[in-house]
Amino acid sequence: MFKQYGQAPPQIRAILIRQLRRLGLPTVDDKRVTFTIWKSRPSGWSVAEASDTSPVGSAFAFCQVIITIDPSSQVSVVREVRRQQIDEAVPKITTWSLLDLTDVDGDGLPDVILQGDAYENHWLEVHSLRTGSPRMIFSGLGYYL
């Protein structure tokens, strides 16, 4: 249902970099940004994620954004993480991973499925695109070491 491309299209890359800068990404860190972009061909919806992990002295800083893009190119932010320094021993940050872009609730539109990770806590979220912008319809917490 979706296809992941090797290179971020320039227009989506520009949107994601602009969002990361709003979250504190310094201009010089553009080259370290990683991208994931999935598109649901039947619906025309896309979900895109960009993140940056940068060295700051002996530690690291992290920022991330996940957006949806509707068939008319309207952008909505699903999740964002402001740039902050990471304590590697006990990170106090939540990171997000795209798991799927699929129709979970049977309404004919794809839903964004994310995994949240925060130190020892892990959970799933489902964001519906039915209303034209993402709206969380499920969040389930899990725990493991």
N, C-alpha and C. Protein backbone atom coordinates (compact mmCIF):
# COMPACT_ATOMS: atom_id res chain seq x y z
N MET A 1 0.82 -1.20 0.00
CA MET A 1 0.00 0.00 0.00
C MET A 1 0.86 1.26 0.00
N PHE A 2 2.06 1.21 0.54
CA PHE A 2 2.91 2.39 0.51
C PHE A 2 4.25 2.01 -0.09
N LYS A 3 4.97 3.03 -0.52
CA LYS A 3 6.30 2.81 -1.07
C LYS A 3 7.27 3.78 -0.41
N GLN A 4 8.39 3.26 0.02
CA GLN A 4 9.42 4.10 0.62
C GLN A 4 10.46 4.38 -0.45
N TYR A 5 10.81 5.66 -0.59
CA TYR A 5 11.78 6.07 -1.59
C TYR A 5 13.15 6.26 -0.95
N GLY A 6 14.22 6.08 -1.75
CA GLY A 6 15.58 6.22 -1.25
C GLY A 6 15.95 7.66 -0.92
N GLN A 7 15.52 8.61 -1.70
CA GLN A 7 15.85 10.02 -1.48
C GLN A 7 14.57 10.80 -1.22
N ALA A 8 14.64 11.73 -0.30
CA ALA A 8 13.48 12.58 -0.01
C ALA A 8 13.29 13.56 -1.16
N PRO A 9 12.07 13.65 -1.73
CA PRO A 9 11.83 14.65 -2.77
C PRO A 9 12.15 16.04 -2.23
N PRO A 10 12.73 16.93 -3.04
CA PRO A 10 13.17 18.24 -2.55
C PRO A 10 12.09 19.04 -1.83
N GLN A 11 10.83 19.00 -2.31
CA GLN A 11 9.79 19.80 -1.66
C GLN A 11 9.43 19.25 -0.28
N ILE A 12 9.42 17.93 -0.11
CA ILE A 12 9.14 17.33 1.20
C ILE A 12 10.34 17.54 2.13
N ARG A 13 11.53 17.38 1.59
CA ARG A 13 12.74 17.62 2.38
C ARG A 13 12.74 19.05 2.92
N ALA A 14 12.40 20.03 2.09
CA ALA A 14 12.38 21.43 2.51
C ALA A 14 11.36 21.66 3.63
N ILE A 15 10.19 21.05 3.51
CA ILE A 15 9.16 21.16 4.56
C ILE A 15 9.68 20.60 5.87
N LEU A 16 10.28 19.41 5.81
CA LEU A 16 10.78 18.76 7.03
C LEU A 16 11.93 19.53 7.66
N ILE A 17 12.85 20.03 6.85
CA ILE A 17 13.97 20.82 7.39
C ILE A 17 13.44 22.09 8.05
N ARG A 18 12.47 22.75 7.42
CA ARG A 18 11.86 23.96 8.00
C ARG A 18 11.23 23.64 9.36
N GLN A 19 10.53 22.51 9.45
CA GLN A 19 9.92 22.10 10.72
C GLN A 19 10.99 21.82 11.77
N LEU A 20 12.08 21.14 11.38
CA LEU A 20 13.15 20.85 12.34
C LEU A 20 13.83 22.13 12.81
N ARG A 21 14.00 23.09 11.92
CA ARG A 21 14.59 24.37 12.34
C ARG A 21 13.70 25.06 13.36
N ARG A 22 12.39 24.98 13.15
CA ARG A 22 11.44 25.55 14.11
C ARG A 22 11.60 24.88 15.48
N LEU A 23 12.03 23.62 15.47
CA LEU A 23 12.22 22.85 16.71
C LEU A 23 13.63 22.99 17.28
N GLY A 24 14.48 23.82 16.65
CA GLY A 24 15.80 24.09 17.20
C GLY A 24 16.99 23.54 16.44
N LEU A 25 16.78 22.94 15.27
CA LEU A 25 17.89 22.41 14.49
C LEU A 25 18.76 23.55 13.97
N PRO A 26 20.06 23.56 14.32
CA PRO A 26 20.95 24.58 13.77
C PRO A 26 21.13 24.39 12.26
N THR A 27 21.36 25.47 11.55
CA THR A 27 21.52 25.43 10.09
C THR A 27 22.63 24.48 9.66
N VAL A 28 23.70 24.43 10.40
CA VAL A 28 24.85 23.60 10.01
C VAL A 28 24.58 22.11 10.12
N ASP A 29 23.51 21.69 10.77
CA ASP A 29 23.23 20.27 10.97
C ASP A 29 22.35 19.64 9.90
N ASP A 30 22.02 20.35 8.82
CA ASP A 30 21.16 19.82 7.77
C ASP A 30 21.65 18.49 7.20
N LYS A 31 22.93 18.32 7.09
CA LYS A 31 23.50 17.15 6.42
C LYS A 31 23.31 15.85 7.21
N ARG A 32 23.06 15.93 8.50
CA ARG A 32 22.89 14.74 9.33
C ARG A 32 21.43 14.29 9.43
N VAL A 33 20.52 15.05 8.89
CA VAL A 33 19.10 14.72 9.01
C VAL A 33 18.79 13.46 8.21
N THR A 34 18.03 12.55 8.86
CA THR A 34 17.57 11.35 8.16
C THR A 34 16.08 11.49 7.88
N PHE A 35 15.63 10.88 6.79
CA PHE A 35 14.25 11.02 6.33
C PHE A 35 13.64 9.64 6.08
N THR A 36 12.36 9.53 6.37
CA THR A 36 11.54 8.38 5.97
C THR A 36 10.26 8.95 5.40
N ILE A 37 9.89 8.52 4.21
CA ILE A 37 8.67 9.02 3.56
C ILE A 37 7.93 7.84 2.98
N TRP A 38 6.67 7.73 3.38
CA TRP A 38 5.81 6.68 2.84
C TRP A 38 4.61 7.34 2.19
N LYS A 39 4.14 6.75 1.09
CA LYS A 39 2.96 7.27 0.40
C LYS A 39 1.98 6.15 0.15
N SER A 40 0.72 6.41 0.47
CA SER A 40 -0.36 5.48 0.16
C SER A 40 -0.85 5.84 -1.25
N ARG A 41 -0.51 5.03 -2.21
CA ARG A 41 -0.90 5.34 -3.60
C ARG A 41 -2.41 5.41 -3.79
N PRO A 42 -3.18 4.48 -3.22
CA PRO A 42 -4.63 4.55 -3.45
C PRO A 42 -5.28 5.84 -2.93
N SER A 43 -4.81 6.34 -1.78
CA SER A 43 -5.46 7.50 -1.17
C SER A 43 -4.79 8.82 -1.51
N GLY A 44 -3.50 8.78 -1.87
CA GLY A 44 -2.76 10.01 -2.13
C GLY A 44 -2.14 10.63 -0.89
N TRP A 45 -2.38 10.06 0.29
CA TRP A 45 -1.80 10.57 1.53
C TRP A 45 -0.35 10.11 1.67
N SER A 46 0.47 10.95 2.32
CA SER A 46 1.85 10.58 2.64
C SER A 46 2.10 10.86 4.11
N VAL A 47 3.05 10.14 4.67
CA VAL A 47 3.54 10.42 6.01
C VAL A 47 5.06 10.51 5.88
N ALA A 48 5.64 11.50 6.55
CA ALA A 48 7.08 11.72 6.44
C ALA A 48 7.65 12.02 7.82
N GLU A 49 8.86 11.50 8.03
CA GLU A 49 9.55 11.69 9.31
C GLU A 49 10.96 12.17 9.03
N ALA A 50 11.43 13.11 9.83
CA ALA A 50 12.81 13.57 9.76
C ALA A 50 13.34 13.70 11.18
N SER A 51 14.60 13.31 11.36
CA SER A 51 15.21 13.43 12.68
C SER A 51 16.69 13.75 12.53
N ASP A 52 17.24 14.31 13.60
CA ASP A 52 18.65 14.65 13.63
C ASP A 52 19.21 14.31 15.00
N THR A 53 20.34 13.63 15.00
CA THR A 53 21.11 13.39 16.21
C THR A 53 22.48 14.02 15.98
N SER A 54 22.81 15.04 16.77
CA SER A 54 24.05 15.80 16.58
C SER A 54 24.92 15.75 17.82
N PRO A 55 26.24 15.64 17.63
CA PRO A 55 27.13 15.70 18.80
C PRO A 55 27.14 17.10 19.40
N VAL A 56 27.07 17.14 20.73
CA VAL A 56 27.18 18.40 21.48
C VAL A 56 28.17 18.12 22.60
N GLY A 57 29.45 18.49 22.38
CA GLY A 57 30.47 18.14 23.35
C GLY A 57 30.61 16.64 23.42
N SER A 58 30.50 16.08 24.63
CA SER A 58 30.59 14.63 24.78
C SER A 58 29.21 13.96 24.78
N ALA A 59 28.16 14.73 24.55
CA ALA A 59 26.79 14.20 24.54
C ALA A 59 26.20 14.35 23.13
N PHE A 60 24.88 14.19 23.03
CA PHE A 60 24.18 14.32 21.77
C PHE A 60 22.92 15.16 21.96
N ALA A 61 22.50 15.82 20.88
CA ALA A 61 21.21 16.51 20.86
C ALA A 61 20.34 15.82 19.81
N PHE A 62 19.04 15.82 20.04
CA PHE A 62 18.10 15.13 19.16
C PHE A 62 16.89 16.01 18.90
N CYS A 63 16.38 15.98 17.66
CA CYS A 63 15.08 16.57 17.35
C CYS A 63 14.44 15.74 16.25
N GLN A 64 13.10 15.80 16.17
CA GLN A 64 12.36 14.95 15.25
C GLN A 64 11.01 15.57 14.94
N VAL A 65 10.51 15.30 13.74
CA VAL A 65 9.16 15.71 13.36
C VAL A 65 8.56 14.63 12.45
N ILE A 66 7.25 14.38 12.64
CA ILE A 66 6.49 13.49 11.77
C ILE A 66 5.30 14.28 11.26
N ILE A 67 5.12 14.29 9.94
CA ILE A 67 4.03 15.05 9.33
C ILE A 67 3.21 14.14 8.41
N THR A 68 1.99 14.59 8.13
CA THR A 68 1.21 13.98 7.06
C THR A 68 1.04 15.02 5.96
N ILE A 69 0.88 14.54 4.74
CA ILE A 69 0.64 15.40 3.60
C ILE A 69 -0.57 14.83 2.87
N ASP A 70 -1.66 15.62 2.80
CA ASP A 70 -2.87 15.12 2.16
C ASP A 70 -2.75 15.23 0.63
N PRO A 71 -3.72 14.68 -0.12
CA PRO A 71 -3.62 14.70 -1.58
C PRO A 71 -3.53 16.10 -2.18
N SER A 72 -3.99 17.14 -1.46
CA SER A 72 -3.89 18.51 -1.97
C SER A 72 -2.64 19.23 -1.45
N SER A 73 -1.69 18.47 -0.88
CA SER A 73 -0.40 18.97 -0.36
C SER A 73 -0.51 19.75 0.95
N GLN A 74 -1.62 19.63 1.67
CA GLN A 74 -1.77 20.25 2.99
C GLN A 74 -0.95 19.45 4.00
N VAL A 75 -0.11 20.14 4.79
CA VAL A 75 0.78 19.50 5.75
C VAL A 75 0.22 19.64 7.16
N SER A 76 0.27 18.55 7.93
CA SER A 76 -0.12 18.57 9.35
C SER A 76 0.94 17.85 10.16
N VAL A 77 1.28 18.40 11.32
CA VAL A 77 2.25 17.77 12.21
C VAL A 77 1.54 16.74 13.07
N VAL A 78 2.08 15.52 13.09
CA VAL A 78 1.54 14.44 13.92
C VAL A 78 2.27 14.41 15.26
N ARG A 79 3.60 14.41 15.21
CA ARG A 79 4.42 14.37 16.42
C ARG A 79 5.67 15.21 16.18
N GLU A 80 6.16 15.85 17.24
CA GLU A 80 7.41 16.59 17.15
C GLU A 80 8.17 16.49 18.46
N VAL A 81 9.49 16.55 18.36
CA VAL A 81 10.37 16.53 19.53
C VAL A 81 11.32 17.71 19.36
N ARG A 82 11.21 18.70 20.26
CA ARG A 82 12.11 19.85 20.23
C ARG A 82 13.54 19.39 20.45
N ARG A 83 14.48 20.08 19.85
CA ARG A 83 15.89 19.73 20.00
C ARG A 83 16.27 19.84 21.47
N GLN A 84 16.86 18.77 21.98
CA GLN A 84 17.29 18.74 23.36
C GLN A 84 18.45 17.77 23.52
N GLN A 85 19.24 18.02 24.55
CA GLN A 85 20.39 17.17 24.82
C GLN A 85 19.91 15.87 25.43
N ILE A 86 20.57 14.79 25.04
CA ILE A 86 20.19 13.45 25.49
C ILE A 86 21.18 12.96 26.53
N ASP A 87 20.67 12.50 27.67
CA ASP A 87 21.48 11.82 28.67
C ASP A 87 21.45 10.34 28.29
N GLU A 88 22.56 9.83 27.81
CA GLU A 88 22.57 8.45 27.31
C GLU A 88 22.30 7.42 28.39
N ALA A 89 22.65 7.71 29.65
CA ALA A 89 22.43 6.75 30.73
C ALA A 89 20.94 6.58 31.01
N VAL A 90 20.22 7.70 31.13
CA VAL A 90 18.77 7.67 31.37
C VAL A 90 18.14 8.76 30.51
N PRO A 91 17.89 8.46 29.23
CA PRO A 91 17.33 9.50 28.36
C PRO A 91 15.92 9.90 28.79
N LYS A 92 15.69 11.20 28.89
CA LYS A 92 14.37 11.72 29.26
C LYS A 92 13.73 12.33 28.02
N ILE A 93 13.60 11.51 27.00
CA ILE A 93 13.10 11.97 25.71
C ILE A 93 12.25 10.86 25.12
N THR A 94 11.23 11.24 24.40
CA THR A 94 10.41 10.27 23.68
C THR A 94 10.74 10.38 22.20
N THR A 95 11.09 9.27 21.60
CA THR A 95 11.31 9.22 20.16
C THR A 95 10.19 8.44 19.52
N TRP A 96 9.98 8.68 18.23
CA TRP A 96 8.87 8.07 17.51
C TRP A 96 9.38 7.34 16.28
N SER A 97 8.75 6.21 15.97
CA SER A 97 9.08 5.43 14.79
C SER A 97 7.80 5.19 14.00
N LEU A 98 7.89 5.34 12.69
CA LEU A 98 6.76 4.99 11.83
C LEU A 98 6.69 3.48 11.74
N LEU A 99 5.51 2.93 12.00
CA LEU A 99 5.33 1.49 11.86
C LEU A 99 4.54 1.14 10.61
N ASP A 100 3.51 1.93 10.29
CA ASP A 100 2.69 1.61 9.13
C ASP A 100 1.81 2.78 8.75
N LEU A 101 1.35 2.74 7.53
CA LEU A 101 0.36 3.68 7.00
C LEU A 101 -0.68 2.79 6.34
N THR A 102 -1.75 2.48 7.08
CA THR A 102 -2.74 1.51 6.61
C THR A 102 -4.12 1.86 7.18
N ASP A 103 -5.16 1.32 6.59
CA ASP A 103 -6.53 1.56 7.04
C ASP A 103 -6.84 0.65 8.23
N VAL A 104 -6.77 1.21 9.44
CA VAL A 104 -7.00 0.45 10.66
C VAL A 104 -8.48 0.33 10.97
N ASP A 105 -9.23 1.41 10.75
CA ASP A 105 -10.63 1.44 11.19
C ASP A 105 -11.65 1.21 10.08
N GLY A 106 -11.22 0.84 8.88
CA GLY A 106 -12.14 0.46 7.81
C GLY A 106 -12.87 1.61 7.15
N ASP A 107 -12.37 2.85 7.28
CA ASP A 107 -13.06 3.98 6.67
C ASP A 107 -12.56 4.29 5.26
N GLY A 108 -11.61 3.49 4.74
CA GLY A 108 -11.10 3.71 3.40
C GLY A 108 -9.92 4.66 3.32
N LEU A 109 -9.56 5.30 4.44
CA LEU A 109 -8.41 6.20 4.48
C LEU A 109 -7.30 5.57 5.31
N PRO A 110 -6.06 5.84 4.95
CA PRO A 110 -4.97 5.26 5.76
C PRO A 110 -4.89 5.94 7.12
N ASP A 111 -4.42 5.19 8.09
CA ASP A 111 -4.15 5.71 9.43
C ASP A 111 -2.65 5.57 9.67
N VAL A 112 -2.09 6.50 10.42
CA VAL A 112 -0.66 6.49 10.73
C VAL A 112 -0.47 5.72 12.03
N ILE A 113 0.39 4.71 12.01
CA ILE A 113 0.68 3.92 13.19
C ILE A 113 2.12 4.22 13.61
N LEU A 114 2.27 4.67 14.87
CA LEU A 114 3.58 5.06 15.40
C LEU A 114 3.92 4.22 16.62
N GLN A 115 5.22 4.05 16.85
CA GLN A 115 5.70 3.47 18.09
C GLN A 115 6.44 4.55 18.84
N GLY A 116 6.07 4.76 20.11
CA GLY A 116 6.76 5.72 20.97
C GLY A 116 7.71 4.98 21.89
N ASP A 117 8.90 5.54 22.05
CA ASP A 117 9.90 4.95 22.94
C ASP A 117 10.40 6.03 23.88
N ALA A 118 10.30 5.76 25.18
CA ALA A 118 10.78 6.68 26.20
C ALA A 118 11.46 5.87 27.30
N TYR A 119 12.78 5.75 27.22
CA TYR A 119 13.58 4.98 28.16
C TYR A 119 13.04 3.56 28.28
N GLU A 120 12.31 3.21 29.33
CA GLU A 120 11.82 1.85 29.50
C GLU A 120 10.35 1.70 29.11
N ASN A 121 9.72 2.74 28.63
CA ASN A 121 8.32 2.68 28.24
C ASN A 121 8.20 2.68 26.72
N HIS A 122 7.28 1.87 26.21
CA HIS A 122 7.07 1.74 24.78
C HIS A 122 5.57 1.61 24.54
N TRP A 123 5.05 2.26 23.50
CA TRP A 123 3.63 2.16 23.23
C TRP A 123 3.36 2.38 21.76
N LEU A 124 2.13 2.09 21.36
CA LEU A 124 1.67 2.30 20.00
C LEU A 124 0.63 3.40 19.99
N GLU A 125 0.61 4.16 18.91
CA GLU A 125 -0.43 5.15 18.67
C GLU A 125 -0.94 4.98 17.26
N VAL A 126 -2.25 5.24 17.10
CA VAL A 126 -2.86 5.27 15.78
C VAL A 126 -3.49 6.64 15.60
N HIS A 127 -3.14 7.30 14.50
CA HIS A 127 -3.66 8.62 14.17
C HIS A 127 -4.52 8.50 12.91
N SER A 128 -5.80 8.82 13.04
CA SER A 128 -6.74 8.76 11.92
C SER A 128 -6.60 10.01 11.05
N LEU A 129 -6.77 9.83 9.74
CA LEU A 129 -6.72 10.95 8.81
C LEU A 129 -8.12 11.29 8.29
N ARG A 130 -9.14 10.72 8.89
CA ARG A 130 -10.52 10.88 8.43
C ARG A 130 -10.97 12.34 8.40
N THR A 131 -10.57 13.14 9.37
CA THR A 131 -11.04 14.53 9.45
C THR A 131 -10.22 15.50 8.60
N GLY A 132 -9.24 14.98 7.86
CA GLY A 132 -8.41 15.85 7.04
C GLY A 132 -7.12 16.24 7.70
N SER A 133 -7.03 16.06 9.00
CA SER A 133 -5.77 16.25 9.71
C SER A 133 -5.67 15.13 10.74
N PRO A 134 -4.45 14.77 11.14
CA PRO A 134 -4.30 13.62 12.04
C PRO A 134 -4.96 13.84 13.39
N ARG A 135 -5.63 12.79 13.86
CA ARG A 135 -6.27 12.81 15.18
C ARG A 135 -6.03 11.45 15.82
N MET A 136 -5.46 11.45 17.04
CA MET A 136 -5.16 10.20 17.70
C MET A 136 -6.45 9.46 18.04
N ILE A 137 -6.53 8.19 17.64
CA ILE A 137 -7.71 7.38 17.96
C ILE A 137 -7.36 6.20 18.85
N PHE A 138 -6.06 5.97 19.06
CA PHE A 138 -5.65 4.88 19.94
C PHE A 138 -4.26 5.17 20.48
N SER A 139 -4.06 4.88 21.77
CA SER A 139 -2.74 4.92 22.38
C SER A 139 -2.70 3.83 23.42
N GLY A 140 -1.78 2.89 23.28
CA GLY A 140 -1.68 1.78 24.21
C GLY A 140 -0.27 1.64 24.74
N LEU A 141 -0.12 1.71 26.06
CA LEU A 141 1.19 1.69 26.70
C LEU A 141 1.62 0.27 26.99
N GLY A 142 2.89 0.01 26.77
CA GLY A 142 3.48 -1.26 27.11
C GLY A 142 4.75 -1.00 27.88
N TYR A 143 5.36 -2.03 28.42
CA TYR A 143 6.59 -1.85 29.21
C TYR A 143 7.44 -3.09 29.03
N TYR A 144 8.72 -2.90 28.76
CA TYR A 144 9.64 -4.02 28.74
C TYR A 144 11.05 -3.52 28.93
N LEU A 145 11.94 -4.40 29.33
CA LEU A 145 13.36 -4.06 29.50
C LEU A 145 14.16 -4.70 28.39
